Amino acid sequence: MSTRPWCTRCNKAQVACICHMITEIDNQYKLIILQHPSEANKAIGTARILSLSLKRCELVCAETLPVGFIEAAPTYLLYPSEQNTTQAGDTCIPANSQFVLLDGSWKKAFRLLQTNPSLQSLPRVAIDVKQQTQYKIRKSSKQQGVSSVEAGYYLLSQLEGNESKYQPLLAVFQEMIDFQLKQMPPSVVTKHYGK
């Protein structure tokens, strides 16, 4: 077990603490993050950026959502689907809607979906990913794969039609990545990340 000082708010080592970079954002739509338990203590995890920044956000670290957790409002699942998908920003989405985001690798996110029948029946919402992920320190098996914070950014900015409002999410994300890259030996950075 590590004896390094730890920030209990952002759940990162004190030297990697992101709390001073967080900007509170008054998001219109509530975001519920179901985080796979294996992601909770990852130094490069991004769900905490969302939960600390967004006024209407709930982070649930569990393999299953509590019974009745998502029944209070119209709820959508942010997850790829070949059919029955509404595009974020579509005017048919009610103003009091909430959105579930699965936090974990694609394999873990799929497992979360499979173990939660209540999520499987939710209508799906899709985001328009405008650029390749900036999550250089973690690889995705999907070409359009993005980090949780990037997914949250795209979802909320497209729902509200306001990219600049959610830009602080990406700013903290980039600072976190830059910090992690600076901790690595230059040879490793050059070999794996091309810098």
Protein backbone atom coordinates (compact mmCIF):
# COMPACT_ATOMS: atom_id res chain seq x y z
CA MET A 1 0.00 0.00 0.00
CA SER A 2 1.26 3.45 -0.95
CA THR A 3 2.27 5.90 1.77
CA ARG A 4 2.21 8.89 -0.59
CA PRO A 5 -0.11 11.75 0.40
CA TRP A 6 -3.47 11.24 -1.29
CA CYS A 7 -6.25 13.66 -2.24
CA THR A 8 -9.54 12.21 -1.05
CA ARG A 9 -11.54 14.60 -3.23
CA CYS A 10 -10.15 13.73 -6.67
CA ASN A 11 -8.82 10.31 -5.60
CA LYS A 12 -5.34 10.95 -6.98
CA ALA A 13 -1.90 11.18 -5.40
CA GLN A 14 -1.39 14.68 -3.95
CA VAL A 15 1.31 15.48 -6.54
CA ALA A 16 -1.18 14.65 -9.32
CA CYS A 17 -4.17 16.37 -7.67
CA ILE A 18 -6.49 18.06 -10.18
CA CYS A 19 -8.76 19.87 -7.70
CA HIS A 20 -7.19 23.29 -8.24
CA MET A 21 -7.97 23.06 -11.98
CA ILE A 22 -11.65 22.21 -11.60
CA THR A 23 -14.25 24.73 -12.79
CA GLU A 24 -17.83 24.12 -11.67
CA ILE A 25 -20.22 23.92 -14.61
CA ASP A 26 -23.98 24.34 -14.29
CA ASN A 27 -25.04 21.58 -16.69
CA GLN A 28 -28.68 21.48 -17.73
CA TYR A 29 -28.89 17.69 -18.07
CA LYS A 30 -27.96 15.32 -15.27
CA LEU A 31 -25.16 12.85 -15.95
CA ILE A 32 -25.05 9.52 -14.12
CA ILE A 33 -21.70 7.74 -14.39
CA LEU A 34 -21.68 4.02 -13.71
CA GLN A 35 -18.01 3.32 -13.07
CA HIS A 36 -16.61 -0.17 -13.18
CA PRO A 37 -14.95 -0.75 -9.75
CA SER A 38 -11.59 -1.51 -11.38
CA GLU A 39 -11.47 2.10 -12.67
CA ALA A 40 -11.95 3.78 -9.29
CA ASN A 41 -8.29 4.16 -8.29
CA LYS A 42 -6.65 4.58 -11.70
CA ALA A 43 -4.35 7.61 -11.77
CA ILE A 44 -5.33 8.31 -15.36
CA GLY A 45 -9.08 7.87 -14.89
CA THR A 46 -11.24 10.72 -16.20
CA ALA A 47 -14.70 10.15 -14.67
CA ARG A 48 -13.67 12.11 -11.57
CA ILE A 49 -13.13 15.22 -13.74
CA LEU A 50 -16.80 15.02 -14.71
CA SER A 51 -18.09 14.34 -11.20
CA LEU A 52 -16.10 17.21 -9.68
CA SER A 53 -16.92 19.71 -12.44
CA LEU A 54 -20.59 19.13 -13.18
CA LYS A 55 -23.24 20.49 -10.85
CA ARG A 56 -25.68 17.75 -11.87
CA CYS A 57 -23.62 14.57 -11.87
CA GLU A 58 -23.62 11.38 -9.86
CA LEU A 59 -20.75 8.90 -9.87
CA VAL A 60 -21.74 5.35 -8.90
CA CYS A 61 -18.81 2.98 -8.53
CA ALA A 62 -20.43 -0.45 -8.76
CA GLU A 63 -21.10 -3.29 -11.17
CA THR A 64 -24.85 -2.82 -10.84
CA LEU A 65 -27.02 0.25 -10.39
CA PRO A 66 -29.23 0.27 -7.29
CA VAL A 67 -32.84 -0.76 -7.99
CA GLY A 68 -34.97 2.22 -8.98
CA PHE A 69 -31.95 4.49 -9.38
CA ILE A 70 -32.82 5.77 -12.84
CA GLU A 71 -36.61 5.90 -12.68
CA ALA A 72 -37.01 9.56 -11.66
CA ALA A 73 -36.75 11.16 -15.12
CA PRO A 74 -36.56 10.28 -18.82
CA THR A 75 -33.23 8.46 -19.06
CA TYR A 76 -30.95 7.75 -22.01
CA LEU A 77 -27.86 5.58 -22.29
CA LEU A 78 -24.76 6.90 -24.04
CA TYR A 79 -23.64 3.73 -25.79
CA PRO A 80 -23.18 2.79 -29.47
CA SER A 81 -26.11 1.07 -31.16
CA GLU A 82 -26.96 0.20 -34.75
CA GLN A 83 -30.62 1.08 -34.26
CA ASN A 84 -33.00 3.21 -32.20
CA THR A 85 -30.38 5.85 -31.45
CA THR A 86 -31.16 9.51 -30.91
CA GLN A 87 -28.46 12.04 -31.75
CA ALA A 88 -27.39 14.30 -28.86
CA GLY A 89 -28.88 17.71 -29.52
CA ASP A 90 -32.05 16.29 -31.09
CA THR A 91 -35.03 18.46 -30.15
CA CYS A 92 -37.11 15.39 -29.18
CA ILE A 93 -35.06 14.91 -25.98
CA PRO A 94 -37.08 16.28 -23.02
CA ALA A 95 -35.49 19.11 -21.01
CA ASN A 96 -35.58 17.10 -17.75
CA SER A 97 -33.75 14.08 -19.21
CA GLN A 98 -30.77 12.40 -17.59
CA PHE A 99 -28.01 10.39 -19.23
CA VAL A 100 -26.05 7.31 -18.15
CA LEU A 101 -22.38 7.04 -19.13
CA LEU A 102 -20.49 3.77 -18.57
CA ASP A 103 -16.93 4.32 -17.32
CA GLY A 104 -14.39 1.63 -18.14
CA SER A 105 -12.63 -0.02 -21.06
CA TRP A 106 -14.92 -1.13 -23.90
CA LYS A 107 -14.86 -4.66 -22.50
CA LYS A 108 -15.77 -3.47 -19.00
CA ALA A 109 -18.45 -1.09 -20.29
CA PHE A 110 -20.02 -3.97 -22.23
CA ARG A 111 -19.94 -6.08 -19.06
CA LEU A 112 -21.67 -3.28 -17.13
CA LEU A 113 -24.35 -3.15 -19.81
CA GLN A 114 -24.85 -6.93 -19.75
CA THR A 115 -25.19 -7.10 -15.95
CA ASN A 116 -27.73 -4.26 -15.79
CA PRO A 117 -30.98 -5.19 -17.58
CA SER A 118 -32.44 -1.77 -16.67
CA LEU A 119 -29.73 -0.15 -18.83
CA GLN A 120 -30.36 -2.47 -21.78
CA SER A 121 -33.93 -1.23 -22.11
CA LEU A 122 -32.99 2.48 -22.13
CA PRO A 123 -33.14 4.47 -25.36
CA ARG A 124 -29.65 5.11 -26.72
CA VAL A 125 -28.13 8.46 -27.50
CA ALA A 126 -25.21 9.02 -29.87
CA ILE A 127 -22.57 11.74 -29.95
CA ASP A 128 -20.75 13.26 -32.89
CA VAL A 129 -17.06 12.72 -32.12
CA LYS A 130 -15.40 15.68 -33.84
CA GLN A 131 -11.76 14.61 -33.52
CA GLN A 132 -9.60 11.67 -32.54
CA THR A 133 -9.28 11.13 -28.80
CA GLN A 134 -6.63 13.10 -26.95
CA TYR A 135 -6.31 10.25 -24.43
CA LYS A 136 -2.74 9.52 -25.53
CA ILE A 137 -1.80 7.64 -22.36
CA ARG A 138 -4.50 5.00 -22.72
CA LYS A 139 -5.33 3.05 -25.86
CA SER A 140 -8.81 2.22 -27.13
CA SER A 141 -9.73 -0.75 -29.28
CA LYS A 142 -12.36 1.35 -31.07
CA GLN A 143 -11.51 3.90 -33.75
CA GLN A 144 -14.12 6.34 -32.43
CA GLY A 145 -13.26 5.48 -28.80
CA VAL A 146 -12.92 8.43 -26.43
CA SER A 147 -12.32 8.86 -22.72
CA SER A 148 -15.24 9.30 -20.34
CA VAL A 149 -14.52 13.01 -19.95
CA GLU A 150 -14.43 13.49 -23.72
CA ALA A 151 -17.70 11.55 -24.06
CA GLY A 152 -19.27 13.75 -21.37
CA TYR A 153 -17.96 16.87 -23.10
CA TYR A 154 -19.41 15.88 -26.48
CA LEU A 155 -22.72 14.75 -24.99
CA LEU A 156 -23.40 17.84 -22.89
CA SER A 157 -22.06 20.41 -25.36
CA GLN A 158 -24.15 18.87 -28.16
CA LEU A 159 -27.26 18.62 -25.99
CA GLU A 160 -26.99 22.30 -25.05
CA GLY A 161 -25.38 23.52 -28.27
CA ASN A 162 -22.55 25.15 -26.30
CA GLU A 163 -18.99 23.86 -26.71
CA SER A 164 -17.28 26.75 -24.90
CA LYS A 165 -19.30 26.13 -21.70
CA TYR A 166 -17.81 22.63 -21.41
CA GLN A 167 -14.28 23.47 -22.59
CA PRO A 168 -12.96 23.49 -18.96
CA LEU A 169 -13.53 19.70 -18.88
CA LEU A 170 -11.05 19.22 -21.72
CA ALA A 171 -8.60 21.72 -20.21
CA VAL A 172 -8.34 19.69 -16.97
CA PHE A 173 -8.11 16.48 -19.01
CA GLN A 174 -5.19 17.87 -21.05
CA GLU A 175 -3.38 19.06 -17.89
CA MET A 176 -3.76 15.59 -16.38
CA ILE A 177 -2.32 13.95 -19.51
CA ASP A 178 0.58 16.42 -19.69
CA PHE A 179 1.41 15.76 -16.02
CA GLN A 180 1.42 11.99 -16.55
CA LEU A 181 3.65 12.29 -19.63
CA LYS A 182 6.14 14.43 -17.69
CA GLN A 183 6.46 11.63 -15.11
CA MET A 184 7.64 9.17 -17.75
CA PRO A 185 11.22 8.79 -18.99
CA PRO A 186 11.68 10.70 -22.29
CA SER A 187 12.59 7.48 -24.12
CA VAL A 188 9.26 5.90 -23.14
CA VAL A 189 7.31 8.99 -24.21
CA THR A 190 9.09 9.08 -27.58
CA LYS A 191 8.65 5.35 -28.19
CA HIS A 192 4.96 5.13 -27.28
CA TYR A 193 3.57 8.62 -27.80
CA GLY A 194 5.80 10.10 -30.49
CA LYS A 195 6.83 13.24 -28.60
